[in-house]
Amino acid sequence: MKCNMAKDNFWTKTTCDRCHKPLNGARIMSMYNQDCLCMDCKQKESEREDYPEAVKAEREAVAKGDYNFKGYGL
């Protein structure tokens, strides 16, 4: 299965889905859902207690060929 990032607006977004601040060219997808995050929000997300489980779930999905993982659930 191919990644469908080219079909969505991830690369054209100008603001963070969480805090709505400008992305200024830097962005990353949330591990919990498909939010496009600024680096400040990603840092906050990575400090959550359940973040290691979210990372593990995403890696397992990709290993199985799921390149469109919907996220661990927020």
N, C-alpha and C. Protein backbone atom coordinates (compact mmCIF):
# COMPACT_ATOMS: atom_id res chain seq x y z
N MET A 1 0.84 -1.18 0.00
CA MET A 1 0.00 0.00 0.00
C MET A 1 0.89 1.24 0.00
N LYS A 2 0.55 2.19 -0.83
CA LYS A 2 1.31 3.42 -0.91
C LYS A 2 0.82 4.43 0.11
N CYS A 3 1.72 5.28 0.54
CA CYS A 3 1.37 6.38 1.43
C CYS A 3 0.56 7.39 0.62
N ASN A 4 -0.51 7.90 1.19
CA ASN A 4 -1.36 8.84 0.45
C ASN A 4 -1.14 10.29 0.87
N MET A 5 0.03 10.61 1.44
CA MET A 5 0.30 11.98 1.85
C MET A 5 0.18 12.96 0.69
N ALA A 6 0.52 12.53 -0.50
CA ALA A 6 0.45 13.42 -1.65
C ALA A 6 -1.00 13.82 -1.95
N LYS A 7 -1.96 13.00 -1.54
CA LYS A 7 -3.36 13.27 -1.81
C LYS A 7 -3.99 14.19 -0.78
N ASP A 8 -3.40 14.30 0.40
CA ASP A 8 -4.00 15.15 1.42
C ASP A 8 -3.27 16.49 1.46
N ASN A 9 -3.56 17.26 2.47
CA ASN A 9 -3.00 18.61 2.54
C ASN A 9 -1.86 18.74 3.54
N PHE A 10 -1.25 17.65 3.95
CA PHE A 10 -0.18 17.68 4.93
C PHE A 10 0.94 18.65 4.51
N TRP A 11 1.35 18.59 3.26
CA TRP A 11 2.48 19.40 2.80
C TRP A 11 2.10 20.83 2.48
N THR A 12 0.82 21.12 2.37
CA THR A 12 0.41 22.48 2.03
C THR A 12 -0.15 23.25 3.23
N LYS A 13 -0.32 22.58 4.35
CA LYS A 13 -0.81 23.27 5.55
C LYS A 13 0.16 24.37 5.96
N THR A 14 -0.38 25.42 6.51
CA THR A 14 0.45 26.53 6.97
C THR A 14 0.41 26.71 8.48
N THR A 15 -0.55 26.04 9.13
CA THR A 15 -0.67 26.17 10.58
C THR A 15 -0.82 24.79 11.24
N CYS A 16 -0.41 24.71 12.48
CA CYS A 16 -0.50 23.48 13.27
C CYS A 16 -1.96 23.15 13.56
N ASP A 17 -2.31 21.88 13.45
CA ASP A 17 -3.68 21.45 13.73
C ASP A 17 -4.03 21.56 15.22
N ARG A 18 -3.05 21.57 16.10
CA ARG A 18 -3.32 21.63 17.54
C ARG A 18 -3.34 23.06 18.07
N CYS A 19 -2.27 23.81 17.82
CA CYS A 19 -2.17 25.15 18.42
C CYS A 19 -2.45 26.27 17.43
N HIS A 20 -2.54 25.93 16.16
CA HIS A 20 -2.85 26.87 15.07
C HIS A 20 -1.78 27.93 14.83
N LYS A 21 -0.58 27.71 15.36
CA LYS A 21 0.54 28.61 15.08
C LYS A 21 1.12 28.25 13.71
N PRO A 22 1.81 29.20 13.07
CA PRO A 22 2.44 28.91 11.78
C PRO A 22 3.45 27.77 11.87
N LEU A 23 3.47 26.93 10.85
CA LEU A 23 4.40 25.81 10.81
C LEU A 23 5.81 26.24 10.40
N ASN A 24 5.91 27.32 9.67
CA ASN A 24 7.21 27.85 9.26
C ASN A 24 8.11 26.78 8.61
N GLY A 25 7.50 25.94 7.79
CA GLY A 25 8.27 24.95 7.05
C GLY A 25 8.58 23.65 7.78
N ALA A 26 8.40 23.61 9.08
CA ALA A 26 8.68 22.39 9.85
C ALA A 26 7.36 21.77 10.29
N ARG A 27 7.19 20.49 10.04
CA ARG A 27 5.95 19.80 10.41
C ARG A 27 6.23 18.33 10.60
N ILE A 28 5.36 17.69 11.36
CA ILE A 28 5.45 16.26 11.58
C ILE A 28 4.04 15.77 11.92
N MET A 29 3.76 14.53 11.59
CA MET A 29 2.44 13.99 11.87
C MET A 29 2.40 13.42 13.29
N SER A 30 1.28 13.60 13.93
CA SER A 30 1.07 13.07 15.27
C SER A 30 1.12 11.54 15.26
N MET A 31 1.52 10.97 16.38
CA MET A 31 1.49 9.52 16.56
C MET A 31 0.09 9.07 16.99
N TYR A 32 -0.74 10.00 17.41
CA TYR A 32 -2.04 9.66 17.98
C TYR A 32 -3.19 9.77 16.98
N ASN A 33 -3.04 10.61 16.00
CA ASN A 33 -4.05 10.75 14.95
C ASN A 33 -3.34 11.32 13.72
N GLN A 34 -4.06 11.89 12.81
CA GLN A 34 -3.42 12.39 11.60
C GLN A 34 -3.26 13.91 11.61
N ASP A 35 -3.13 14.49 12.79
CA ASP A 35 -2.88 15.92 12.90
C ASP A 35 -1.49 16.26 12.38
N CYS A 36 -1.40 17.39 11.73
CA CYS A 36 -0.13 17.95 11.29
C CYS A 36 0.33 18.89 12.41
N LEU A 37 1.49 18.61 12.99
CA LEU A 37 1.94 19.33 14.18
C LEU A 37 3.16 20.19 13.93
N CYS A 38 3.20 21.31 14.67
CA CYS A 38 4.43 22.09 14.73
C CYS A 38 5.39 21.35 15.67
N MET A 39 6.61 21.77 15.70
CA MET A 39 7.60 21.05 16.50
C MET A 39 7.35 21.23 18.00
N ASP A 40 6.77 22.35 18.42
CA ASP A 40 6.44 22.54 19.83
C ASP A 40 5.37 21.55 20.28
N CYS A 41 4.34 21.38 19.46
CA CYS A 41 3.28 20.42 19.81
C CYS A 41 3.79 18.99 19.76
N LYS A 42 4.69 18.70 18.83
CA LYS A 42 5.28 17.36 18.77
C LYS A 42 6.08 17.08 20.03
N GLN A 43 6.80 18.07 20.52
CA GLN A 43 7.57 17.91 21.76
C GLN A 43 6.63 17.60 22.92
N LYS A 44 5.52 18.35 23.02
CA LYS A 44 4.55 18.10 24.09
C LYS A 44 3.97 16.70 23.97
N GLU A 45 3.65 16.30 22.74
CA GLU A 45 3.10 14.97 22.51
C GLU A 45 4.09 13.89 22.95
N SER A 46 5.36 14.09 22.65
CA SER A 46 6.37 13.07 22.97
C SER A 46 6.61 12.94 24.48
N GLU A 47 6.12 13.87 25.26
CA GLU A 47 6.27 13.83 26.71
C GLU A 47 5.12 13.09 27.40
N ARG A 48 4.12 12.68 26.63
CA ARG A 48 3.00 11.94 27.21
C ARG A 48 3.47 10.58 27.72
N GLU A 49 2.84 10.11 28.76
CA GLU A 49 3.20 8.83 29.37
C GLU A 49 3.03 7.66 28.40
N ASP A 50 2.03 7.73 27.53
CA ASP A 50 1.75 6.63 26.63
C ASP A 50 2.43 6.77 25.26
N TYR A 51 3.30 7.74 25.12
CA TYR A 51 3.97 7.96 23.83
C TYR A 51 4.77 6.74 23.35
N PRO A 52 5.51 6.06 24.21
CA PRO A 52 6.24 4.87 23.72
C PRO A 52 5.31 3.82 23.10
N GLU A 53 4.12 3.64 23.67
CA GLU A 53 3.17 2.68 23.08
C GLU A 53 2.68 3.16 21.72
N ALA A 54 2.48 4.47 21.57
CA ALA A 54 2.04 5.03 20.29
C ALA A 54 3.10 4.81 19.22
N VAL A 55 4.36 5.03 19.58
CA VAL A 55 5.47 4.83 18.64
C VAL A 55 5.55 3.36 18.24
N LYS A 56 5.40 2.47 19.21
CA LYS A 56 5.45 1.03 18.93
C LYS A 56 4.33 0.62 17.99
N ALA A 57 3.12 1.12 18.22
CA ALA A 57 1.98 0.78 17.38
C ALA A 57 2.20 1.26 15.94
N GLU A 58 2.77 2.45 15.78
CA GLU A 58 3.02 2.98 14.44
C GLU A 58 4.08 2.14 13.73
N ARG A 59 5.13 1.78 14.42
CA ARG A 59 6.19 0.96 13.82
C ARG A 59 5.67 -0.41 13.42
N GLU A 60 4.84 -1.00 14.25
CA GLU A 60 4.26 -2.30 13.92
C GLU A 60 3.36 -2.21 12.70
N ALA A 61 2.59 -1.13 12.60
CA ALA A 61 1.71 -0.95 11.44
C ALA A 61 2.54 -0.82 10.17
N VAL A 62 3.59 -0.03 10.20
CA VAL A 62 4.44 0.14 9.03
C VAL A 62 5.14 -1.17 8.66
N ALA A 63 5.58 -1.92 9.66
CA ALA A 63 6.21 -3.21 9.38
C ALA A 63 5.27 -4.17 8.67
N LYS A 64 3.97 -4.00 8.92
CA LYS A 64 2.96 -4.84 8.26
C LYS A 64 2.52 -4.26 6.92
N GLY A 65 3.11 -3.13 6.52
CA GLY A 65 2.77 -2.53 5.24
C GLY A 65 1.73 -1.44 5.30
N ASP A 66 1.29 -1.06 6.49
CA ASP A 66 0.28 0.00 6.63
C ASP A 66 0.98 1.36 6.70
N TYR A 67 1.14 1.99 5.55
CA TYR A 67 1.81 3.28 5.48
C TYR A 67 0.83 4.44 5.67
N ASN A 68 -0.41 4.12 5.92
CA ASN A 68 -1.44 5.14 6.18
C ASN A 68 -2.03 4.93 7.57
N PHE A 69 -1.19 4.59 8.53
CA PHE A 69 -1.61 4.35 9.90
C PHE A 69 -2.40 5.55 10.43
N LYS A 70 -3.57 5.28 10.96
CA LYS A 70 -4.47 6.36 11.41
C LYS A 70 -4.07 6.92 12.75
N GLY A 71 -3.15 6.28 13.45
CA GLY A 71 -2.70 6.76 14.73
C GLY A 71 -3.12 5.84 15.88
N TYR A 72 -2.49 6.06 16.99
CA TYR A 72 -2.70 5.24 18.19
C TYR A 72 -4.02 5.55 18.85
N GLY A 73 -4.54 6.74 18.65
CA GLY A 73 -5.78 7.18 19.27
C GLY A 73 -5.49 8.15 20.40
N LEU A 74 -6.09 9.30 20.31
CA LEU A 74 -5.82 10.36 21.29
C LEU A 74 -6.88 10.40 22.35
